[in-house]
Amino acid sequence: MFGARLPRYRTSSGLFDDMVAAQIRRLVQAWPDLVKPVQFAVEDVPPSQPAPWESDPSLDSQCFPAGRGLPARVVLYRMPMQMHADTRLDLQWSIRDELVSRLAELYGRRPEEIDPEWGM
């Protein structure tokens, strides 16, 4: 009934991906040197078995420092983030906060240095 390009046809995962991409574009404009070397990914759920060195794994996102020829990576987990958000706006803010906090973790900075509105 609806064409593939109409908004009603969009899936919740497609909308989530669009929100992530919009936040990454915003961060690239503000901090190109910090954001461009990092790979970003979205997965549905976190791994069921945390790595042995993870004492308290996050269910919303993870970051992996660069190493062994791989660039630094930030992974957001869509389903846990969607479950915790009450509205679409809440989801946008939580995506922003997760991305900023993971970038800060990768670079050893405070999240407020990367985005002064973090956590608000």
PDB file of N, CA and C in Angstrom:
ATOM      1  N   MET A   1       0.806  -1.185   0.000  1.00  0.00           N
ATOM      2  CA  MET A   1       0.000   0.000   0.000  1.00  0.00           C
ATOM      3  C   MET A   1       0.858   1.260   0.000  1.00  0.00           C
ATOM      4  N   PHE A   2       1.975   1.253   0.713  1.00  0.00           N
ATOM      5  CA  PHE A   2       2.865   2.397   0.741  1.00  0.00           C
ATOM      6  C   PHE A   2       4.123   2.067  -0.040  1.00  0.00           C
ATOM      7  N   GLY A   3       4.665   3.035  -0.729  1.00  0.00           N
ATOM      8  CA  GLY A   3       5.904   2.836  -1.471  1.00  0.00           C
ATOM      9  C   GLY A   3       7.091   2.727  -0.528  1.00  0.00           C
ATOM     10  N   ALA A   4       8.159   2.163  -1.021  1.00  0.00           N
ATOM     11  CA  ALA A   4       9.343   1.936  -0.195  1.00  0.00           C
ATOM     12  C   ALA A   4      10.009   3.239   0.253  1.00  0.00           C
ATOM     13  N   ARG A   5       9.750   4.338  -0.419  1.00  0.00           N
ATOM     14  CA  ARG A   5      10.396   5.603  -0.058  1.00  0.00           C
ATOM     15  C   ARG A   5       9.549   6.469   0.859  1.00  0.00           C
ATOM     16  N   LEU A   6       8.361   6.038   1.170  1.00  0.00           N
ATOM     17  CA  LEU A   6       7.512   6.825   2.055  1.00  0.00           C
ATOM     18  C   LEU A   6       7.847   6.524   3.514  1.00  0.00           C
ATOM     19  N   PRO A   7       7.747   7.522   4.398  1.00  0.00           N
ATOM     20  CA  PRO A   7       8.143   7.341   5.791  1.00  0.00           C
ATOM     21  C   PRO A   7       7.412   6.213   6.517  1.00  0.00           C
ATOM     22  N   ARG A   8       6.158   5.938   6.206  1.00  0.00           N
ATOM     23  CA  ARG A   8       5.421   4.901   6.922  1.00  0.00           C
ATOM     24  C   ARG A   8       5.994   3.513   6.660  1.00  0.00           C
ATOM     25  N   TYR A   9       6.737   3.375   5.603  1.00  0.00           N
ATOM     26  CA  TYR A   9       7.308   2.077   5.268  1.00  0.00           C
ATOM     27  C   TYR A   9       8.580   1.814   6.056  1.00  0.00           C
ATOM     28  N   ARG A  10       9.172   2.847   6.626  1.00  0.00           N
ATOM     29  CA  ARG A  10      10.437   2.703   7.343  1.00  0.00           C
ATOM     30  C   ARG A  10      10.268   1.791   8.550  1.00  0.00           C
ATOM     31  N   THR A  11      11.244   0.957   8.767  1.00  0.00           N
ATOM     32  CA  THR A  11      11.233   0.072   9.925  1.00  0.00           C
ATOM     33  C   THR A  11      11.842   0.794  11.124  1.00  0.00           C
ATOM     34  N   SER A  12      11.633   0.236  12.304  1.00  0.00           N
ATOM     35  CA  SER A  12      12.216   0.846  13.498  1.00  0.00           C
ATOM     36  C   SER A  12      13.738   0.763  13.452  1.00  0.00           C
ATOM     37  N   SER A  13      14.271  -0.302  12.870  1.00  0.00           N
ATOM     38  CA  SER A  13      15.733  -0.390  12.767  1.00  0.00           C
ATOM     39  C   SER A  13      16.271   0.631  11.770  1.00  0.00           C
ATOM     40  N   GLY A  14      15.526   0.902  10.695  1.00  0.00           N
ATOM     41  CA  GLY A  14      15.932   1.921   9.735  1.00  0.00           C
ATOM     42  C   GLY A  14      15.919   3.306  10.346  1.00  0.00           C
ATOM     43  N   LEU A  15      14.908   3.589  11.148  1.00  0.00           N
ATOM     44  CA  LEU A  15      14.842   4.886  11.831  1.00  0.00           C
ATOM     45  C   LEU A  15      15.987   5.028  12.827  1.00  0.00           C
ATOM     46  N   PHE A  16      16.299   3.953  13.540  1.00  0.00           N
ATOM     47  CA  PHE A  16      17.407   3.977  14.490  1.00  0.00           C
ATOM     48  C   PHE A  16      18.717   4.263  13.760  1.00  0.00           C
ATOM     49  N   ASP A  17      18.950   3.565  12.656  1.00  0.00           N
ATOM     50  CA  ASP A  17      20.167   3.783  11.866  1.00  0.00           C
ATOM     51  C   ASP A  17      20.268   5.227  11.382  1.00  0.00           C
ATOM     52  N   ASP A  18      19.141   5.796  10.968  1.00  0.00           N
ATOM     53  CA  ASP A  18      19.132   7.193  10.521  1.00  0.00           C
ATOM     54  C   ASP A  18      19.490   8.146  11.660  1.00  0.00           C
ATOM     55  N   MET A  19      18.997   7.856  12.859  1.00  0.00           N
ATOM     56  CA  MET A  19      19.313   8.711  14.014  1.00  0.00           C
ATOM     57  C   MET A  19      20.800   8.616  14.351  1.00  0.00           C
ATOM     58  N   VAL A  20      21.350   7.415  14.283  1.00  0.00           N
ATOM     59  CA  VAL A  20      22.776   7.235  14.551  1.00  0.00           C
ATOM     60  C   VAL A  20      23.596   7.993  13.518  1.00  0.00           C
ATOM     61  N   ALA A  21      23.238   7.852  12.248  1.00  0.00           N
ATOM     62  CA  ALA A  21      23.975   8.536  11.180  1.00  0.00           C
ATOM     63  C   ALA A  21      23.917  10.052  11.353  1.00  0.00           C
ATOM     64  N   ALA A  22      22.765  10.568  11.752  1.00  0.00           N
ATOM     65  CA  ALA A  22      22.635  12.020  11.959  1.00  0.00           C
ATOM     66  C   ALA A  22      23.542  12.493  13.097  1.00  0.00           C
ATOM     67  N   GLN A  23      23.621  11.729  14.173  1.00  0.00           N
ATOM     68  CA  GLN A  23      24.487  12.116  15.290  1.00  0.00           C
ATOM     69  C   GLN A  23      25.966  12.025  14.903  1.00  0.00           C
ATOM     70  N   ILE A  24      26.317  11.024  14.122  1.00  0.00           N
ATOM     71  CA  ILE A  24      27.709  10.900  13.673  1.00  0.00           C
ATOM     72  C   ILE A  24      28.083  12.076  12.776  1.00  0.00           C
ATOM     73  N   ARG A  25      27.183  12.453  11.866  1.00  0.00           N
ATOM     74  CA  ARG A  25      27.446  13.623  11.008  1.00  0.00           C
ATOM     75  C   ARG A  25      27.644  14.875  11.848  1.00  0.00           C
ATOM     76  N   ARG A  26      26.833  15.044  12.875  1.00  0.00           N
ATOM     77  CA  ARG A  26      26.948  16.204  13.759  1.00  0.00           C
ATOM     78  C   ARG A  26      28.301  16.201  14.469  1.00  0.00           C
ATOM     79  N   LEU A  27      28.719  15.045  14.948  1.00  0.00           N
ATOM     80  CA  LEU A  27      30.005  14.948  15.642  1.00  0.00           C
ATOM     81  C   LEU A  27      31.187  15.132  14.697  1.00  0.00           C
ATOM     82  N   VAL A  28      31.051  14.668  13.452  1.00  0.00           N
ATOM     83  CA  VAL A  28      32.128  14.857  12.470  1.00  0.00           C
ATOM     84  C   VAL A  28      32.326  16.333  12.186  1.00  0.00           C
ATOM     85  N   GLN A  29      31.256  17.086  12.127  1.00  0.00           N
ATOM     86  CA  GLN A  29      31.371  18.525  11.885  1.00  0.00           C
ATOM     87  C   GLN A  29      32.091  19.223  13.035  1.00  0.00           C
ATOM     88  N   ALA A  30      31.836  18.778  14.253  1.00  0.00           N
ATOM     89  CA  ALA A  30      32.450  19.424  15.418  1.00  0.00           C
ATOM     90  C   ALA A  30      33.863  18.918  15.685  1.00  0.00           C
ATOM     91  N   TRP A  31      34.120  17.634  15.501  1.00  0.00           N
ATOM     92  CA  TRP A  31      35.399  17.003  15.843  1.00  0.00           C
ATOM     93  C   TRP A  31      35.867  16.070  14.728  1.00  0.00           C
ATOM     94  N   PRO A  32      36.170  16.582  13.548  1.00  0.00           N
ATOM     95  CA  PRO A  32      36.538  15.685  12.443  1.00  0.00           C
ATOM     96  C   PRO A  32      37.753  14.812  12.738  1.00  0.00           C
ATOM     97  N   ASP A  33      38.745  15.343  13.426  1.00  0.00           N
ATOM     98  CA  ASP A  33      39.959  14.563  13.700  1.00  0.00           C
ATOM     99  C   ASP A  33      39.707  13.422  14.680  1.00  0.00           C
ATOM    100  N   LEU A  34      38.735  13.574  15.568  1.00  0.00           N
ATOM    101  CA  LEU A  34      38.425  12.517  16.524  1.00  0.00           C
ATOM    102  C   LEU A  34      37.503  11.455  15.945  1.00  0.00           C
ATOM    103  N   VAL A  35      36.551  11.871  15.131  1.00  0.00           N
ATOM    104  CA  VAL A  35      35.482  10.970  14.701  1.00  0.00           C
ATOM    105  C   VAL A  35      35.824  10.199  13.427  1.00  0.00           C
ATOM    106  N   LYS A  36      36.483  10.828  12.471  1.00  0.00           N
ATOM    107  CA  LYS A  36      36.724  10.168  11.184  1.00  0.00           C
ATOM    108  C   LYS A  36      37.517   8.868  11.275  1.00  0.00           C
ATOM    109  N   PRO A  37      38.506   8.727  12.176  1.00  0.00           N
ATOM    110  CA  PRO A  37      39.241   7.455  12.238  1.00  0.00           C
ATOM    111  C   PRO A  37      38.468   6.311  12.897  1.00  0.00           C
ATOM    112  N   VAL A  38      37.317   6.603  13.476  1.00  0.00           N
ATOM    113  CA  VAL A  38      36.555   5.595  14.221  1.00  0.00           C
ATOM    114  C   VAL A  38      35.505   4.967  13.313  1.00  0.00           C
ATOM    115  N   GLN A  39      35.365   3.642  13.409  1.00  0.00           N
ATOM    116  CA  GLN A  39      34.291   2.942  12.709  1.00  0.00           C
ATOM    117  C   GLN A  39      33.096   2.843  13.650  1.00  0.00           C
ATOM    118  N   PHE A  40      31.903   3.020  13.098  1.00  0.00           N
ATOM    119  CA  PHE A  40      30.680   2.930  13.881  1.00  0.00           C
ATOM    120  C   PHE A  40      29.834   1.795  13.338  1.00  0.00           C
ATOM    121  N   ALA A  41      29.165   1.090  14.245  1.00  0.00           N
ATOM    122  CA  ALA A  41      28.307  -0.016  13.844  1.00  0.00           C
ATOM    123  C   ALA A  41      27.081  -0.061  14.748  1.00  0.00           C
ATOM    124  N   VAL A  42      26.028  -0.667  14.227  1.00  0.00           N
ATOM    125  CA  VAL A  42      24.811  -0.908  14.995  1.00  0.00           C
ATOM    126  C   VAL A  42      24.535  -2.404  14.921  1.00  0.00           C
ATOM    127  N   GLU A  43      24.312  -2.998  16.068  1.00  0.00           N
ATOM    128  CA  GLU A  43      23.899  -4.390  16.144  1.00  0.00           C
ATOM    129  C   GLU A  43      22.603  -4.454  16.935  1.00  0.00           C
ATOM    130  N   ASP A  44      21.846  -5.512  16.723  1.00  0.00           N
ATOM    131  CA  ASP A  44      20.552  -5.624  17.408  1.00  0.00           C
ATOM    132  C   ASP A  44      20.700  -5.777  18.915  1.00  0.00           C
ATOM    133  N   VAL A  45      21.565  -6.700  19.345  1.00  0.00           N
ATOM    134  CA  VAL A  45      21.738  -6.975  20.773  1.00  0.00           C
ATOM    135  C   VAL A  45      23.220  -7.168  21.081  1.00  0.00           C
ATOM    136  N   PRO A  46      23.613  -6.973  22.346  1.00  0.00           N
ATOM    137  CA  PRO A  46      25.018  -7.222  22.706  1.00  0.00           C
ATOM    138  C   PRO A  46      25.300  -8.718  22.711  1.00  0.00           C
ATOM    139  N   PRO A  47      26.574  -9.091  22.659  1.00  0.00           N
ATOM    140  CA  PRO A  47      26.908 -10.515  22.715  1.00  0.00           C
ATOM    141  C   PRO A  47      26.432 -11.132  24.032  1.00  0.00           C
ATOM    142  N   SER A  48      26.044 -12.382  23.977  1.00  0.00           N
ATOM    143  CA  SER A  48      25.530 -13.034  25.178  1.00  0.00           C
ATOM    144  C   SER A  48      26.635 -13.387  26.163  1.00  0.00           C
ATOM    145  N   GLN A  49      27.839 -13.590  25.680  1.00  0.00           N
ATOM    146  CA  GLN A  49      28.971 -13.895  26.546  1.00  0.00           C
ATOM    147  C   GLN A  49      29.939 -12.725  26.546  1.00  0.00           C
ATOM    148  N   PRO A  50      29.999 -11.945  27.632  1.00  0.00           N
ATOM    149  CA  PRO A  50      30.961 -10.840  27.653  1.00  0.00           C
ATOM    150  C   PRO A  50      32.389 -11.376  27.662  1.00  0.00           C
ATOM    151  N   ALA A  51      33.298 -10.571  27.208  1.00  0.00           N
ATOM    152  CA  ALA A  51      34.713 -10.949  27.222  1.00  0.00           C
ATOM    153  C   ALA A  51      35.177 -11.088  28.669  1.00  0.00           C
ATOM    154  N   PRO A  52      36.185 -11.939  28.902  1.00  0.00           N
ATOM    155  CA  PRO A  52      36.636 -12.174  30.280  1.00  0.00           C
ATOM    156  C   PRO A  52      37.096 -10.908  31.012  1.00  0.00           C
ATOM    157  N   TRP A  53      37.589  -9.916  30.300  1.00  0.00           N
ATOM    158  CA  TRP A  53      38.091  -8.700  30.949  1.00  0.00           C
ATOM    159  C   TRP A  53      36.987  -7.682  31.222  1.00  0.00           C
ATOM    160  N   GLU A  54      35.769  -7.948  30.772  1.00  0.00           N
ATOM    161  CA  GLU A  54      34.664  -7.011  30.991  1.00  0.00           C
ATOM    162  C   GLU A  54      33.969  -7.352  32.310  1.00  0.00           C
ATOM    163  N   SER A  55      34.188  -6.529  33.308  1.00  0.00           N
ATOM    164  CA  SER A  55      33.574  -6.788  34.606  1.00  0.00           C
ATOM    165  C   SER A  55      32.103  -6.383  34.622  1.00  0.00           C
ATOM    166  N   ASP A  56      31.780  -5.305  33.934  1.00  0.00           N
ATOM    167  CA  ASP A  56      30.402  -4.804  33.900  1.00  0.00           C
ATOM    168  C   ASP A  56      30.074  -4.377  32.474  1.00  0.00           C
ATOM    169  N   PRO A  57      29.724  -5.332  31.606  1.00  0.00           N
ATOM    170  CA  PRO A  57      29.486  -4.964  30.209  1.00  0.00           C
ATOM    171  C   PRO A  57      28.242  -4.082  30.067  1.00  0.00           C
ATOM    172  N   SER A  58      28.313  -3.150  29.128  1.00  0.00           N
ATOM    173  CA  SER A  58      27.192  -2.255  28.852  1.00  0.00           C
ATOM    174  C   SER A  58      26.237  -2.931  27.888  1.00  0.00           C
ATOM    175  N   LEU A  59      24.956  -2.755  28.130  1.00  0.00           N
ATOM    176  CA  LEU A  59      23.967  -3.330  27.230  1.00  0.00           C
ATOM    177  C   LEU A  59      23.603  -2.372  26.099  1.00  0.00           C
ATOM    178  N   ASP A  60      23.979  -1.102  26.215  1.00  0.00           N
ATOM    179  CA  ASP A  60      23.608  -0.110  25.203  1.00  0.00           C
ATOM    180  C   ASP A  60      24.670   0.111  24.145  1.00  0.00           C
ATOM    181  N   SER A  61      25.939   0.013  24.510  1.00  0.00           N
ATOM    182  CA  SER A  61      27.013   0.260  23.544  1.00  0.00           C
ATOM    183  C   SER A  61      28.330  -0.279  24.068  1.00  0.00           C
ATOM    184  N   GLN A  62      29.300  -0.344  23.172  1.00  0.00           N
ATOM    185  CA  GLN A  62      30.658  -0.728  23.527  1.00  0.00           C
ATOM    186  C   GLN A  62      31.614   0.020  22.632  1.00  0.00           C
ATOM    187  N   CYS A  63      32.822   0.211  23.109  1.00  0.00           N
ATOM    188  CA  CYS A  63      33.865   0.757  22.257  1.00  0.00           C
ATOM    189  C   CYS A  63      35.067  -0.168  22.321  1.00  0.00           C
ATOM    190  N   PHE A  64      35.766  -0.222  21.226  1.00  0.00           N
ATOM    191  CA  PHE A  64      36.938  -1.072  21.100  1.00  0.00           C
ATOM    192  C   PHE A  64      38.082  -0.211  20.596  1.00  0.00           C
ATOM    193  N   PRO A  65      39.173  -0.101  21.361  1.00  0.00           N
ATOM    194  CA  PRO A  65      40.300   0.719  20.917  1.00  0.00           C
ATOM    195  C   PRO A  65      40.973   0.117  19.686  1.00  0.00           C
ATOM    196  N   ALA A  66      41.670   0.958  18.969  1.00  0.00           N
ATOM    197  CA  ALA A  66      42.403   0.500  17.787  1.00  0.00           C
ATOM    198  C   ALA A  66      43.493  -0.470  18.220  1.00  0.00           C
ATOM    199  N   GLY A  67      43.742  -1.446  17.381  1.00  0.00           N
ATOM    200  CA  GLY A  67      44.796  -2.400  17.684  1.00  0.00           C
ATOM    201  C   GLY A  67      44.820  -3.526  16.672  1.00  0.00           C
ATOM    202  N   ARG A  68      45.982  -4.128  16.523  1.00  0.00           N
ATOM    203  CA  ARG A  68      46.167  -5.253  15.600  1.00  0.00           C
ATOM    204  C   ARG A  68      45.729  -4.915  14.178  1.00  0.00           C
ATOM    205  N   GLY A  69      46.003  -3.709  13.765  1.00  0.00           N
ATOM    206  CA  GLY A  69      45.658  -3.292  12.409  1.00  0.00           C
ATOM    207  C   GLY A  69      44.208  -2.902  12.216  1.00  0.00           C
ATOM    208  N   LEU A  70      43.409  -2.925  13.275  1.00  0.00           N
ATOM    209  CA  LEU A  70      42.005  -2.541  13.187  1.00  0.00           C
ATOM    210  C   LEU A  70      41.812  -1.138  13.753  1.00  0.00           C
ATOM    211  N   PRO A  71      40.934  -0.342  13.147  1.00  0.00           N
ATOM    212  CA  PRO A  71      40.670   0.993  13.697  1.00  0.00           C
ATOM    213  C   PRO A  71      39.820   0.886  14.958  1.00  0.00           C
ATOM    214  N   ALA A  72      39.754   1.972  15.700  1.00  0.00           N
ATOM    215  CA  ALA A  72      38.868   2.032  16.863  1.00  0.00           C
ATOM    216  C   ALA A  72      37.427   1.888  16.380  1.00  0.00           C
ATOM    217  N   ARG A  73      36.594   1.243  17.213  1.00  0.00           N
ATOM    218  CA  ARG A  73      35.202   1.000  16.825  1.00  0.00           C
ATOM    219  C   ARG A  73      34.258   1.327  17.974  1.00  0.00           C
ATOM    220  N   VAL A  74      33.082   1.821  17.600  1.00  0.00           N
ATOM    221  CA  VAL A  74      32.004   2.050  18.549  1.00  0.00           C
ATOM    222  C   VAL A  74      30.796   1.295  18.024  1.00  0.00           C
ATOM    223  N   VAL A  75      30.211   0.461  18.889  1.00  0.00           N
ATOM    224  CA  VAL A  75      29.045  -0.335  18.511  1.00  0.00           C
ATOM    225  C   VAL A  75      27.883   0.043  19.415  1.00  0.00           C
ATOM    226  N   LEU A  76      26.756   0.400  18.799  1.00  0.00           N
ATOM    227  CA  LEU A  76      25.523   0.672  19.543  1.00  0.00           C
ATOM    228  C   LEU A  76      24.602  -0.533  19.389  1.00  0.00           C
ATOM    229  N   TYR A  77      23.906  -0.885  20.471  1.00  0.00           N
ATOM    230  CA  TYR A  77      22.979  -2.010  20.450  1.00  0.00           C
ATOM    231  C   TYR A  77      21.553  -1.475  20.417  1.00  0.00           C
ATOM    232  N   ARG A  78      20.908  -1.696  19.287  1.00  0.00           N
ATOM    233  CA  ARG A  78      19.621  -1.073  18.988  1.00  0.00           C
ATOM    234  C   ARG A  78      18.501  -1.482  19.943  1.00  0.00           C
ATOM    235  N   MET A  79      18.288  -2.758  20.131  1.00  0.00           N
ATOM    236  CA  MET A  79      17.111  -3.196  20.894  1.00  0.00           C
ATOM    237  C   MET A  79      17.130  -2.745  22.358  1.00  0.00           C
ATOM    238  N   PRO A  80      18.249  -2.872  23.075  1.00  0.00           N
ATOM    239  CA  PRO A  80      18.231  -2.353  24.458  1.00  0.00           C
ATOM    240  C   PRO A  80      17.993  -0.849  24.524  1.00  0.00           C
ATOM    241  N   MET A  81      18.562  -0.109  23.576  1.00  0.00           N
ATOM    242  CA  MET A  81      18.366   1.342  23.595  1.00  0.00           C
ATOM    243  C   MET A  81      16.914   1.696  23.291  1.00  0.00           C
ATOM    244  N   GLN A  82      16.303   0.983  22.357  1.00  0.00           N
ATOM    245  CA  GLN A  82      14.903   1.254  22.038  1.00  0.00           C
ATOM    246  C   GLN A  82      13.982   0.882  23.198  1.00  0.00           C
ATOM    247  N   MET A  83      14.332  -0.174  23.922  1.00  0.00           N
ATOM    248  CA  MET A  83      13.494  -0.595  25.052  1.00  0.00           C
ATOM    249  C   MET A  83      13.507   0.423  26.181  1.00  0.00           C
ATOM    250  N   HIS A  84      14.636   1.115  26.387  1.00  0.00           N
ATOM    251  CA  HIS A  84      14.747   2.074  27.484  1.00  0.00           C
ATOM    252  C   HIS A  84      14.169   3.444  27.137  1.00  0.00           C
ATOM    253  N   ALA A  85      14.000   3.732  25.857  1.00  0.00           N
ATOM    254  CA  ALA A  85      13.506   5.055  25.444  1.00  0.00           C
ATOM    255  C   ALA A  85      11.976   5.066  25.432  1.00  0.00           C
ATOM    256  N   ASP A  86      11.406   6.099  26.030  1.00  0.00           N
ATOM    257  CA  ASP A  86       9.947   6.226  26.047  1.00  0.00           C
ATOM    258  C   ASP A  86       9.421   6.879  24.774  1.00  0.00           C
ATOM    259  N   THR A  87      10.183   7.821  24.237  1.00  0.00           N
ATOM    260  CA  THR A  87       9.761   8.535  23.037  1.00  0.00           C
ATOM    261  C   THR A  87      10.896   8.541  22.021  1.00  0.00           C
ATOM    262  N   ARG A  88      10.570   8.985  20.836  1.00  0.00           N
ATOM    263  CA  ARG A  88      11.586   9.104  19.793  1.00  0.00           C
ATOM    264  C   ARG A  88      12.665  10.120  20.187  1.00  0.00           C
ATOM    265  N   LEU A  89      12.266  11.189  20.850  1.00  0.00           N
ATOM    266  CA  LEU A  89      13.217  12.193  21.306  1.00  0.00           C
ATOM    267  C   LEU A  89      14.157  11.611  22.369  1.00  0.00           C
ATOM    268  N   ASP A  90      13.603  10.820  23.286  1.00  0.00           N
ATOM    269  CA  ASP A  90      14.451  10.143  24.285  1.00  0.00           C
ATOM    270  C   ASP A  90      15.490   9.267  23.604  1.00  0.00           C
ATOM    271  N   LEU A  91      15.077   8.575  22.547  1.00  0.00           N
ATOM    272  CA  LEU A  91      15.995   7.707  21.820  1.00  0.00           C
ATOM    273  C   LEU A  91      17.106   8.518  21.151  1.00  0.00           C
ATOM    274  N   GLN A  92      16.746   9.656  20.574  1.00  0.00           N
ATOM    275  CA  GLN A  92      17.758  10.514  19.958  1.00  0.00           C
ATOM    276  C   GLN A  92      18.784  10.989  20.988  1.00  0.00           C
ATOM    277  N   TRP A  93      18.301  11.399  22.170  1.00  0.00           N
ATOM    278  CA  TRP A  93      19.225  11.863  23.208  1.00  0.00           C
ATOM    279  C   TRP A  93      20.104  10.725  23.709  1.00  0.00           C
ATOM    280  N   SER A  94      19.540   9.540  23.856  1.00  0.00           N
ATOM    281  CA  SER A  94      20.352   8.428  24.359  1.00  0.00           C
ATOM    282  C   SER A  94      21.388   7.995  23.327  1.00  0.00           C
ATOM    283  N   ILE A  95      21.050   8.058  22.039  1.00  0.00           N
ATOM    284  CA  ILE A  95      22.035   7.766  20.991  1.00  0.00           C
ATOM    285  C   ILE A  95      23.168   8.781  21.064  1.00  0.00           C
ATOM    286  N   ARG A  96      22.812  10.064  21.182  1.00  0.00           N
ATOM    287  CA  ARG A  96      23.836  11.105  21.290  1.00  0.00           C
ATOM    288  C   ARG A  96      24.737  10.860  22.493  1.00  0.00           C
ATOM    289  N   ASP A  97      24.136  10.597  23.636  1.00  0.00           N
ATOM    290  CA  ASP A  97      24.921  10.405  24.852  1.00  0.00           C
ATOM    291  C   ASP A  97      25.826   9.181  24.774  1.00  0.00           C
ATOM    292  N   GLU A  98      25.336   8.093  24.198  1.00  0.00           N
ATOM    293  CA  GLU A  98      26.157   6.882  24.063  1.00  0.00           C
ATOM    294  C   GLU A  98      27.343   7.127  23.138  1.00  0.00           C
ATOM    295  N   LEU A  99      27.087   7.762  21.992  1.00  0.00           N
ATOM    296  CA  LEU A  99      28.180   8.037  21.057  1.00  0.00           C
ATOM    297  C   LEU A  99      29.231   8.942  21.692  1.00  0.00           C
ATOM    298  N   VAL A 100      28.789   9.989  22.357  1.00  0.00           N
ATOM    299  CA  VAL A 100      29.723  10.938  22.972  1.00  0.00           C
ATOM    300  C   VAL A 100      30.505  10.262  24.095  1.00  0.00           C
ATOM    301  N   SER A 101      29.836   9.491  24.940  1.00  0.00           N
ATOM    302  CA  SER A 101      30.542   8.853  26.048  1.00  0.00           C
ATOM    303  C   SER A 101      31.541   7.809  25.552  1.00  0.00           C
ATOM    304  N   ARG A 102      31.220   7.107  24.480  1.00  0.00           N
ATOM    305  CA  ARG A 102      32.156   6.111  23.945  1.00  0.00           C
ATOM    306  C   ARG A 102      33.344   6.776  23.256  1.00  0.00           C
ATOM    307  N   LEU A 103      33.114   7.870  22.555  1.00  0.00           N
ATOM    308  CA  LEU A 103      34.234   8.609  21.968  1.00  0.00           C
ATOM    309  C   LEU A 103      35.144   9.161  23.069  1.00  0.00           C
ATOM    310  N   ALA A 104      34.543   9.676  24.120  1.00  0.00           N
ATOM    311  CA  ALA A 104      35.330  10.190  25.242  1.00  0.00           C
ATOM    312  C   ALA A 104      36.147   9.068  25.874  1.00  0.00           C
ATOM    313  N   GLU A 105      35.555   7.901  26.002  1.00  0.00           N
ATOM    314  CA  GLU A 105      36.269   6.751  26.562  1.00  0.00           C
ATOM    315  C   GLU A 105      37.447   6.354  25.676  1.00  0.00           C
ATOM    316  N   LEU A 106      37.237   6.353  24.364  1.00  0.00           N
ATOM    317  CA  LEU A 106      38.320   5.986  23.440  1.00  0.00           C
ATOM    318  C   LEU A 106      39.504   6.946  23.534  1.00  0.00           C
ATOM    319  N   TYR A 107      39.217   8.231  23.688  1.00  0.00           N
ATOM    320  CA  TYR A 107      40.266   9.245  23.663  1.00  0.00           C
ATOM    321  C   TYR A 107      40.702   9.728  25.044  1.00  0.00           C
ATOM    322  N   GLY A 108      40.146   9.149  26.096  1.00  0.00           N
ATOM    323  CA  GLY A 108      40.549   9.542  27.445  1.00  0.00           C
ATOM    324  C   GLY A 108      40.146  10.961  27.796  1.00  0.00           C
ATOM    325  N   ARG A 109      38.982  11.362  27.340  1.00  0.00           N
ATOM    326  CA  ARG A 109      38.473  12.708  27.625  1.00  0.00           C
ATOM    327  C   ARG A 109      37.180  12.612  28.413  1.00  0.00           C
ATOM    328  N   ARG A 110      36.759  13.734  28.929  1.00  0.00           N
ATOM    329  CA  ARG A 110      35.445  13.802  29.566  1.00  0.00           C
ATOM    330  C   ARG A 110      34.402  14.010  28.478  1.00  0.00           C
ATOM    331  N   PRO A 111      33.227  13.405  28.593  1.00  0.00           N
ATOM    332  CA  PRO A 111      32.193  13.594  27.568  1.00  0.00           C
ATOM    333  C   PRO A 111      31.819  15.055  27.350  1.00  0.00           C
ATOM    334  N   GLU A 112      31.873  15.864  28.419  1.00  0.00           N
ATOM    335  CA  GLU A 112      31.512  17.283  28.301  1.00  0.00           C
ATOM    336  C   GLU A 112      32.476  18.046  27.402  1.00  0.00           C
ATOM    337  N   GLU A 113      33.701  17.548  27.252  1.00  0.00           N
ATOM    338  CA  GLU A 113      34.663  18.190  26.360  1.00  0.00           C
ATOM    339  C   GLU A 113      34.264  18.007  24.896  1.00  0.00           C
ATOM    340  N   ILE A 114      33.662  16.872  24.594  1.00  0.00           N
ATOM    341  CA  ILE A 114      33.265  16.584  23.215  1.00  0.00           C
ATOM    342  C   ILE A 114      31.923  17.207  22.900  1.00  0.00           C
ATOM    343  N   ASP A 115      30.972  17.115  23.843  1.00  0.00           N
ATOM    344  CA  ASP A 115      29.659  17.710  23.650  1.00  0.00           C
ATOM    345  C   ASP A 115      29.210  18.329  24.967  1.00  0.00           C
ATOM    346  N   PRO A 116      29.226  19.667  25.076  1.00  0.00           N
ATOM    347  CA  PRO A 116      28.868  20.326  26.337  1.00  0.00           C
ATOM    348  C   PRO A 116      27.445  20.001  26.807  1.00  0.00           C
ATOM    349  N   GLU A 117      26.576  19.556  25.901  1.00  0.00           N
ATOM    350  CA  GLU A 117      25.196  19.238  26.282  1.00  0.00           C
ATOM    351  C   GLU A 117      25.025  17.774  26.647  1.00  0.00           C
ATOM    352  N   TRP A 118      26.129  17.028  26.747  1.00  0.00           N
ATOM    353  CA  TRP A 118      26.051  15.612  27.065  1.00  0.00           C
ATOM    354  C   TRP A 118      25.355  15.394  28.406  1.00  0.00           C
ATOM    355  N   GLY A 119      24.463  14.420  28.440  1.00  0.00           N
ATOM    356  CA  GLY A 119      23.782  14.055  29.678  1.00  0.00           C
ATOM    357  C   GLY A 119      22.638  14.963  30.087  1.00  0.00           C
ATOM    358  N   MET A 120      22.357  15.983  29.319  1.00  0.00           N
ATOM    359  CA  MET A 120      21.257  16.896  29.684  1.00  0.00           C
ATOM    360  C   MET A 120      19.946  16.385  29.159  1.00  0.00           C
TER     361      MET A 120
END
